[in-house]
C-alpha atoms as a PDB file:
ATOM      1  CA  MET A   1      82.601 -32.732  74.500  1.00  0.00           C
ATOM      2  CA  GLU A   2      83.641 -32.362  71.029  1.00  0.00           C
ATOM      3  CA  ARG A   3      81.946 -29.095  69.268  1.00  0.00           C
ATOM      4  CA  TYR A   4      79.785 -29.265  66.469  1.00  0.00           C
ATOM      5  CA  SER A   5      81.845 -28.502  63.267  1.00  0.00           C
ATOM      6  CA  TRP A   6      79.475 -26.568  61.308  1.00  0.00           C
ATOM      7  CA  ASN A   7      79.306 -26.590  57.362  1.00  0.00           C
ATOM      8  CA  TRP A   8      76.864 -24.909  55.458  1.00  0.00           C
ATOM      9  CA  ALA A   9      78.907 -25.552  52.092  1.00  0.00           C
ATOM     10  CA  ILE A  10      77.504 -28.566  52.261  1.00  0.00           C
ATOM     11  CA  LEU A  11      74.484 -27.563  50.917  1.00  0.00           C
ATOM     12  CA  VAL A  12      75.548 -26.621  47.566  1.00  0.00           C
ATOM     13  CA  THR A  13      78.303 -29.418  47.524  1.00  0.00           C
ATOM     14  CA  GLU A  14      78.281 -31.932  44.565  1.00  0.00           C
ATOM     15  CA  PRO A  15      76.434 -33.968  44.338  1.00  0.00           C
ATOM     16  CA  TYR A  16      74.697 -33.444  47.511  1.00  0.00           C
ATOM     17  CA  VAL A  17      72.690 -30.932  46.429  1.00  0.00           C
ATOM     18  CA  TYR A  18      71.443 -32.945  43.161  1.00  0.00           C
ATOM     19  CA  TRP A  19      70.287 -35.314  46.033  1.00  0.00           C
ATOM     20  CA  ILE A  20      68.504 -32.477  47.100  1.00  0.00           C
ATOM     21  CA  LEU A  21      66.952 -31.250  44.038  1.00  0.00           C
ATOM     22  CA  SER A  22      65.846 -34.579  43.656  1.00  0.00           C
ATOM     23  CA  GLY A  23      63.780 -34.937  46.576  1.00  0.00           C
ATOM     24  CA  ILE A  24      62.370 -31.896  46.250  1.00  0.00           C
ATOM     25  CA  VAL A  25      60.883 -32.469  42.569  1.00  0.00           C
ATOM     26  CA  TRP A  26      59.774 -35.575  44.071  1.00  0.00           C
ATOM     27  CA  THR A  27      58.178 -34.260  47.162  1.00  0.00           C
ATOM     28  CA  ILE A  28      56.181 -31.934  44.777  1.00  0.00           C
ATOM     29  CA  LEU A  29      55.405 -34.855  42.124  1.00  0.00           C
ATOM     30  CA  VAL A  30      53.915 -37.144  45.056  1.00  0.00           C
ATOM     31  CA  ALA A  31      52.018 -33.718  46.230  1.00  0.00           C
ATOM     32  CA  LEU A  32      50.260 -32.745  43.366  1.00  0.00           C
ATOM     33  CA  ALA A  33      49.747 -36.145  41.994  1.00  0.00           C
ATOM     34  CA  GLY A  34      48.258 -36.909  45.360  1.00  0.00           C
ATOM     35  CA  TRP A  35      45.762 -33.898  45.370  1.00  0.00           C
ATOM     36  CA  VAL A  36      44.431 -34.348  41.990  1.00  0.00           C
ATOM     37  CA  ILE A  37      43.111 -37.683  43.539  1.00  0.00           C
ATOM     38  CA  ALA A  38      41.765 -36.240  46.510  1.00  0.00           C
ATOM     39  CA  LEU A  39      40.347 -33.134  45.063  1.00  0.00           C
ATOM     40  CA  ALA A  40      38.441 -35.476  42.562  1.00  0.00           C
ATOM     41  CA  LEU A  41      37.603 -38.226  44.818  1.00  0.00           C
ATOM     42  CA  GLY A  42      36.871 -35.976  47.648  1.00  0.00           C
ATOM     43  CA  SER A  43      34.083 -33.827  45.644  1.00  0.00           C
ATOM     44  CA  VAL A  44      32.297 -36.969  44.504  1.00  0.00           C
ATOM     45  CA  VAL A  45      32.733 -38.284  48.695  1.00  0.00           C
ATOM     46  CA  GLY A  46      31.405 -34.590  49.304  1.00  0.00           C
ATOM     47  CA  VAL A  47      28.404 -34.274  46.786  1.00  0.00           C
ATOM     48  CA  ALA A  48      27.227 -38.238  47.705  1.00  0.00           C
ATOM     49  CA  ARG A  49      27.210 -37.184  51.463  1.00  0.00           C
ATOM     50  CA  THR A  50      24.460 -34.827  50.524  1.00  0.00           C
ATOM     51  CA  LEU A  51      22.116 -36.934  48.356  1.00  0.00           C
ATOM     52  CA  ARG A  52      18.860 -38.673  49.719  1.00  0.00           C
ATOM     53  CA  GLN A  53      19.623 -41.826  48.947  1.00  0.00           C
ATOM     54  CA  PRO A  54      20.227 -43.584  52.440  1.00  0.00           C
ATOM     55  CA  VAL A  55      22.853 -46.230  50.506  1.00  0.00           C
ATOM     56  CA  VAL A  56      24.815 -43.835  48.875  1.00  0.00           C
ATOM     57  CA  ARG A  57      25.220 -41.964  52.208  1.00  0.00           C
ATOM     58  CA  ALA A  58      25.805 -44.706  54.520  1.00  0.00           C
ATOM     59  CA  ILE A  59      28.533 -46.402  51.491  1.00  0.00           C
ATOM     60  CA  VAL A  60      30.387 -42.845  51.314  1.00  0.00           C
ATOM     61  CA  GLY A  61      29.769 -42.337  55.213  1.00  0.00           C
ATOM     62  CA  ALA A  62      31.583 -45.758  55.795  1.00  0.00           C
ATOM     63  CA  TYR A  63      34.450 -44.598  53.719  1.00  0.00           C
ATOM     64  CA  VAL A  64      34.833 -41.486  55.383  1.00  0.00           C
ATOM     65  CA  GLU A  65      34.687 -42.851  58.921  1.00  0.00           C
ATOM     66  CA  THR A  66      37.295 -45.488  58.210  1.00  0.00           C
ATOM     67  CA  PHE A  67      39.552 -43.548  56.003  1.00  0.00           C
ATOM     68  CA  ARG A  68      40.124 -40.168  58.157  1.00  0.00           C
ATOM     69  CA  ASN A  69      40.558 -42.779  61.307  1.00  0.00           C
ATOM     70  CA  VAL A  70      42.938 -44.756  60.756  1.00  0.00           C
ATOM     71  CA  PRO A  71      46.597 -43.059  61.175  1.00  0.00           C
ATOM     72  CA  LEU A  72      47.925 -42.193  57.378  1.00  0.00           C
ATOM     73  CA  LEU A  73      51.481 -43.991  58.328  1.00  0.00           C
ATOM     74  CA  VAL A  74      49.233 -47.279  58.783  1.00  0.00           C
ATOM     75  CA  GLN A  75      47.015 -46.523  55.526  1.00  0.00           C
ATOM     76  CA  ILE A  76      50.652 -46.365  53.157  1.00  0.00           C
ATOM     77  CA  PHE A  77      51.446 -49.563  55.068  1.00  0.00           C
ATOM     78  CA  LEU A  78      48.601 -51.368  54.680  1.00  0.00           C
ATOM     79  CA  TRP A  79      48.601 -50.174  50.398  1.00  0.00           C
ATOM     80  CA  TYR A  80      52.227 -51.254  50.267  1.00  0.00           C
ATOM     81  CA  PHE A  81      52.642 -54.764  52.487  1.00  0.00           C
ATOM     82  CA  VAL A  82      48.915 -55.938  52.624  1.00  0.00           C
ATOM     83  CA  LEU A  83      47.251 -55.166  49.466  1.00  0.00           C
ATOM     84  CA  PRO A  84      49.451 -57.328  47.092  1.00  0.00           C
ATOM     85  CA  GLU A  85      49.283 -60.212  49.475  1.00  0.00           C
ATOM     86  CA  LEU A  86      44.926 -60.048  49.132  1.00  0.00           C
ATOM     87  CA  LEU A  87      45.203 -59.734  45.594  1.00  0.00           C
ATOM     88  CA  PRO A  88      46.080 -62.688  42.968  1.00  0.00           C
ATOM     89  CA  ALA A  89      49.218 -63.544  42.894  1.00  0.00           C
ATOM     90  CA  ALA A  90      49.730 -61.864  39.603  1.00  0.00           C
ATOM     91  CA  ALA A  91      48.151 -58.858  40.336  1.00  0.00           C
ATOM     92  CA  GLY A  92      50.001 -58.734  43.728  1.00  0.00           C
ATOM     93  CA  GLN A  93      53.225 -59.138  41.961  1.00  0.00           C
ATOM     94  CA  TRP A  94      52.668 -56.457  39.322  1.00  0.00           C
ATOM     95  CA  LEU A  95      51.457 -53.919  42.112  1.00  0.00           C
ATOM     96  CA  LYS A  96      54.426 -54.497  44.149  1.00  0.00           C
ATOM     97  CA  ARG A  97      57.173 -55.437  41.525  1.00  0.00           C
ATOM     98  CA  ASP A  98      56.423 -54.840  38.110  1.00  0.00           C
ATOM     99  CA  LEU A  99      54.350 -51.592  38.655  1.00  0.00           C
ATOM    100  CA  PRO A 100      56.734 -48.669  37.660  1.00  0.00           C
ATOM    101  CA  HIS A 101      57.506 -46.712  40.771  1.00  0.00           C
ATOM    102  CA  ALA A 102      55.710 -48.760  42.927  1.00  0.00           C
ATOM    103  CA  GLU A 103      56.304 -47.174  46.022  1.00  0.00           C
ATOM    104  CA  PHE A 104      55.590 -43.324  44.752  1.00  0.00           C
ATOM    105  CA  TRP A 105      52.087 -44.318  43.122  1.00  0.00           C
ATOM    106  CA  THR A 106      51.535 -46.396  46.708  1.00  0.00           C
ATOM    107  CA  ALA A 107      52.090 -42.896  48.309  1.00  0.00           C
ATOM    108  CA  VAL A 108      49.995 -40.996  46.199  1.00  0.00           C
ATOM    109  CA  VAL A 109      46.883 -43.254  46.665  1.00  0.00           C
ATOM    110  CA  SER A 110      47.619 -42.877  50.023  1.00  0.00           C
ATOM    111  CA  LEU A 111      47.859 -39.779  50.092  1.00  0.00           C
ATOM    112  CA  GLY A 112      44.864 -39.233  48.002  1.00  0.00           C
ATOM    113  CA  THR A 113      42.201 -41.469  49.645  1.00  0.00           C
ATOM    114  CA  TYR A 114      43.265 -40.103  53.178  1.00  0.00           C
ATOM    115  CA  THR A 115      42.753 -36.356  51.794  1.00  0.00           C
ATOM    116  CA  ALA A 116      39.800 -37.431  50.107  1.00  0.00           C
ATOM    117  CA  CYS A 117      37.655 -37.983  52.846  1.00  0.00           C
ATOM    118  CA  ARG A 118      38.542 -34.910  54.842  1.00  0.00           C
ATOM    119  CA  ILE A 119      37.797 -32.968  51.431  1.00  0.00           C
ATOM    120  CA  GLY A 120      34.578 -34.456  51.119  1.00  0.00           C
ATOM    121  CA  GLU A 121      33.621 -33.361  54.614  1.00  0.00           C
ATOM    122  CA  GLN A 122      34.205 -30.028  53.781  1.00  0.00           C
ATOM    123  CA  VAL A 123      32.723 -29.896  50.336  1.00  0.00           C
ATOM    124  CA  ARG A 124      29.642 -31.672  52.074  1.00  0.00           C
ATOM    125  CA  ALA A 125      29.706 -28.928  54.629  1.00  0.00           C
ATOM    126  CA  GLY A 126      30.039 -26.258  51.922  1.00  0.00           C
ATOM    127  CA  ILE A 127      26.787 -27.462  50.193  1.00  0.00           C
ATOM    128  CA  GLU A 128      24.755 -27.795  53.350  1.00  0.00           C
ATOM    129  CA  ALA A 129      25.829 -24.111  54.314  1.00  0.00           C
ATOM    130  CA  ILE A 130      23.974 -23.287  50.856  1.00  0.00           C
ATOM    131  CA  ALA A 131      20.117 -21.605  52.120  1.00  0.00           C
ATOM    132  CA  LYS A 132      17.499 -24.203  50.958  1.00  0.00           C
ATOM    133  CA  GLY A 133      15.873 -21.578  49.132  1.00  0.00           C
ATOM    134  CA  GLN A 134      18.453 -21.911  46.429  1.00  0.00           C
ATOM    135  CA  THR A 135      17.690 -25.415  45.966  1.00  0.00           C
ATOM    136  CA  HIS A 136      13.844 -24.367  45.426  1.00  0.00           C
ATOM    137  CA  ALA A 137      14.364 -21.389  43.108  1.00  0.00           C
ATOM    138  CA  GLY A 138      16.457 -23.753  40.927  1.00  0.00           C
ATOM    139  CA  LEU A 139      13.679 -26.598  40.725  1.00  0.00           C
ATOM    140  CA  ALA A 140      10.836 -24.025  40.272  1.00  0.00           C
ATOM    141  CA  THR A 141      12.802 -22.685  37.397  1.00  0.00           C
ATOM    142  CA  GLY A 142      12.401 -25.674  35.499  1.00  0.00           C
ATOM    143  CA  LEU A 143      16.152 -27.635  36.485  1.00  0.00           C
ATOM    144  CA  THR A 144      16.204 -30.797  37.601  1.00  0.00           C
ATOM    145  CA  LEU A 145      18.052 -31.847  41.179  1.00  0.00           C
ATOM    146  CA  PRO A 146      21.266 -33.410  38.962  1.00  0.00           C
ATOM    147  CA  GLN A 147      21.424 -29.663  37.265  1.00  0.00           C
ATOM    148  CA  VAL A 148      21.040 -27.957  40.457  1.00  0.00           C
ATOM    149  CA  TYR A 149      24.044 -29.301  42.025  1.00  0.00           C
ATOM    150  CA  ARG A 150      26.014 -28.728  38.824  1.00  0.00           C
ATOM    151  CA  HIS A 151      24.549 -25.625  38.010  1.00  0.00           C
ATOM    152  CA  ILE A 152      24.430 -23.978  41.824  1.00  0.00           C
ATOM    153  CA  LEU A 153      25.283 -26.275  44.648  1.00  0.00           C
ATOM    154  CA  VAL A 154      28.789 -27.778  43.762  1.00  0.00           C
ATOM    155  CA  PRO A 155      29.873 -24.215  42.082  1.00  0.00           C
ATOM    156  CA  VAL A 156      28.653 -22.451  45.387  1.00  0.00           C
ATOM    157  CA  GLY A 157      29.742 -24.684  47.755  1.00  0.00           C
ATOM    158  CA  PHE A 158      33.406 -25.067  46.687  1.00  0.00           C
ATOM    159  CA  ARG A 159      33.499 -21.413  46.598  1.00  0.00           C
ATOM    160  CA  MET A 160      32.864 -21.124  50.258  1.00  0.00           C
ATOM    161  CA  THR A 161      35.312 -24.140  51.335  1.00  0.00           C
ATOM    162  CA  VAL A 162      38.170 -22.449  49.386  1.00  0.00           C
ATOM    163  CA  PRO A 163      39.998 -21.471  53.072  1.00  0.00           C
ATOM    164  CA  ALA A 164      39.304 -25.276  54.421  1.00  0.00           C
ATOM    165  CA  LEU A 165      40.506 -26.469  51.192  1.00  0.00           C
ATOM    166  CA  THR A 166      43.803 -24.648  51.211  1.00  0.00           C
ATOM    167  CA  SER A 167      44.796 -26.223  54.728  1.00  0.00           C
ATOM    168  CA  GLU A 168      44.172 -29.221  53.057  1.00  0.00           C
ATOM    169  CA  PHE A 169      46.643 -28.401  50.288  1.00  0.00           C
ATOM    170  CA  ILE A 170      48.905 -27.713  52.864  1.00  0.00           C
ATOM    171  CA  ASN A 171      48.808 -30.673  54.760  1.00  0.00           C
ATOM    172  CA  ILE A 172      49.371 -33.007  51.696  1.00  0.00           C
ATOM    173  CA  PHE A 173      52.773 -31.273  51.389  1.00  0.00           C
ATOM    174  CA  LYS A 174      53.715 -31.949  54.502  1.00  0.00           C
ATOM    175  CA  ASN A 175      52.213 -35.363  54.835  1.00  0.00           C
ATOM    176  CA  SER A 176      54.021 -36.332  51.557  1.00  0.00           C
ATOM    177  CA  ALA A 177      57.085 -36.726  54.148  1.00  0.00           C
ATOM    178  CA  LEU A 178      55.882 -40.077  55.838  1.00  0.00           C
ATOM    179  CA  ALA A 179      56.230 -41.648  51.642  1.00  0.00           C
ATOM    180  CA  LEU A 180      59.916 -41.858  52.664  1.00  0.00           C
ATOM    181  CA  THR A 181      58.801 -45.371  54.808  1.00  0.00           C
ATOM    182  CA  ILE A 182      58.193 -47.019  52.101  1.00  0.00           C
ATOM    183  CA  GLY A 183      61.568 -46.093  49.988  1.00  0.00           C
ATOM    184  CA  VAL A 184      60.576 -42.769  48.034  1.00  0.00           C
ATOM    185  CA  LEU A 185      63.027 -40.634  47.766  1.00  0.00           C
ATOM    186  CA  GLU A 186      61.297 -37.251  48.558  1.00  0.00           C
ATOM    187  CA  LEU A 187      62.657 -34.364  50.652  1.00  0.00           C
ATOM    188  CA  THR A 188      62.892 -35.751  53.629  1.00  0.00           C
ATOM    189  CA  SER A 189      64.379 -39.225  52.571  1.00  0.00           C
ATOM    190  CA  ARG A 190      66.988 -36.986  50.810  1.00  0.00           C
ATOM    191  CA  THR A 191      67.809 -34.998  53.843  1.00  0.00           C
ATOM    192  CA  ARG A 192      68.204 -38.048  55.914  1.00  0.00           C
ATOM    193  CA  GLN A 193      70.316 -39.433  53.681  1.00  0.00           C
ATOM    194  CA  VAL A 194      73.000 -37.174  52.531  1.00  0.00           C
ATOM    195  CA  ALA A 195      73.097 -36.353  56.857  1.00  0.00           C
ATOM    196  CA  GLU A 196      74.581 -39.627  56.929  1.00  0.00           C
ATOM    197  CA  TYR A 197      76.918 -39.638  54.507  1.00  0.00           C
ATOM    198  CA  THR A 198      78.262 -36.041  55.760  1.00  0.00           C
ATOM    199  CA  TYR A 199      77.121 -35.706  59.306  1.00  0.00           C
ATOM    200  CA  GLN A 200      75.623 -32.449  59.204  1.00  0.00           C
ATOM    201  CA  ALA A 201      72.284 -32.941  59.805  1.00  0.00           C
ATOM    202  CA  ILE A 202      71.398 -29.550  61.403  1.00  0.00           C
ATOM    203  CA  GLU A 203      72.463 -27.534  58.445  1.00  0.00           C
ATOM    204  CA  LEU A 204      70.568 -30.476  56.072  1.00  0.00           C
ATOM    205  CA  PHE A 205      67.513 -30.578  58.368  1.00  0.00           C
ATOM    206  CA  THR A 206      67.190 -26.964  58.664  1.00  0.00           C
ATOM    207  CA  ALA A 207      67.328 -26.504  54.632  1.00  0.00           C
ATOM    208  CA  ALA A 208      64.515 -28.955  54.507  1.00  0.00           C
ATOM    209  CA  THR A 209      62.704 -27.093  57.156  1.00  0.00           C
ATOM    210  CA  VAL A 210      63.300 -23.728  55.165  1.00  0.00           C
ATOM    211  CA  VAL A 211      61.983 -25.534  51.882  1.00  0.00           C
ATOM    212  CA  TYR A 212      59.002 -26.886  53.346  1.00  0.00           C
ATOM    213  CA  ALA A 213      58.169 -23.684  55.161  1.00  0.00           C
ATOM    214  CA  LEU A 214      58.621 -21.870  51.791  1.00  0.00           C
ATOM    215  CA  ILE A 215      56.732 -24.248  49.610  1.00  0.00           C
ATOM    216  CA  THR A 216      53.987 -23.887  52.031  1.00  0.00           C
ATOM    217  CA  LEU A 217      53.761 -19.957  51.891  1.00  0.00           C
ATOM    218  CA  ILE A 218      53.594 -20.094  47.917  1.00  0.00           C
ATOM    219  CA  VAL A 219      50.854 -22.246  48.206  1.00  0.00           C
ATOM    220  CA  THR A 220      48.914 -20.143  50.816  1.00  0.00           C
ATOM    221  CA  PHE A 221      49.638 -17.118  48.927  1.00  0.00           C
ATOM    222  CA  ALA A 222      48.250 -18.969  45.541  1.00  0.00           C
ATOM    223  CA  MET A 223      45.403 -19.910  47.448  1.00  0.00           C
ATOM    224  CA  ARG A 224      44.824 -16.407  48.752  1.00  0.00           C
ATOM    225  CA  VAL A 225      44.441 -15.110  44.955  1.00  0.00           C
ATOM    226  CA  VAL A 226      42.200 -18.112  44.401  1.00  0.00           C
ATOM    227  CA  GLU A 227      40.174 -17.046  47.876  1.00  0.00           C
ATOM    228  CA  ARG A 228      40.010 -13.384  46.808  1.00  0.00           C
ATOM    229  CA  ARG A 229      38.536 -14.053  43.418  1.00  0.00           C
ATOM    230  CA  ALA A 230      36.120 -16.778  44.380  1.00  0.00           C
ATOM    231  CA  ARG A 231      34.920 -14.790  47.565  1.00  0.00           C
ATOM    232  CA  LEU A 232      30.878 -14.345  47.616  1.00  0.00           C
ATOM    233  CA  PRO A 233      29.572 -11.259  48.620  1.00  0.00           C
ATOM    234  CA  GLY A 234      27.822 -11.999  51.641  1.00  0.00           C
ATOM    235  CA  MET A 235      28.402 -15.600  51.944  1.00  0.00           C
ATOM    236  CA  ILE A 236      32.338 -15.430  53.049  1.00  0.00           C
ATOM    237  CA  GLN A 237      34.142 -12.583  54.592  1.00  0.00           C
ATOM    238  CA  SER A 238      37.613 -11.930  55.131  1.00  0.00           C
ATOM    239  CA  ALA A 239      39.162 -12.337  58.711  1.00  0.00           C
ATOM    240  CA  ARG A 240      39.763  -8.533  58.472  1.00  0.00           C
ATOM    241  CA  THR A 241      36.047  -7.606  57.605  1.00  0.00           C
ATOM    242  CA  GLY A 242      34.204  -9.985  59.422  1.00  0.00           C
ATOM    243  CA  PRO A 243      32.291  -9.469  62.606  1.00  0.00           C
END
């Protein structure tokens, strides 16, 4: 059996190094854009899940249960292949072909809506973990219920969910690799492309693994800084000082 021929220099050889760097950029763009949608939509869903209106809770509850129980890969295919066929012909044509970087935006929306349902549950849990006395105290001071949410429940709830949000931020970077299935040339896609050209798959996928690990470590470190600044004494304890 012929032995494998190692060639680590392929990682810095033109044009392959630029392909990989381009993949890293697209991975970051997909993940960050998806995170903006996920955080914004997830915040609305999480707050809505704590309201007393049964209709609102039923609508957002159906959204959460649907999106978190359908695999992300299936959702990406539904957004990219099925949705344009269900829309009027002109709208479907624009969404699939005329929209600039249609694959990119499909991946972003898919990641965003999928992660939003998970963030929504974490925001809901954070708000519901706050003692009812804080709501009553806010109302007793003359605040309306929307003002109580704005000034007390939502800020405190978010500060309590920072560790969980860190995990979701990391997950959205890792899940961005699924964007290759609809043609987004992110890191995993570019790595496979270069491997097919050079037959140096071990070196290339090792490098991709290191890049993903570095990204997640940077995210973890940054979010730990945020967690320390957002920690509420007596409500959020670090693992070192916990019981």
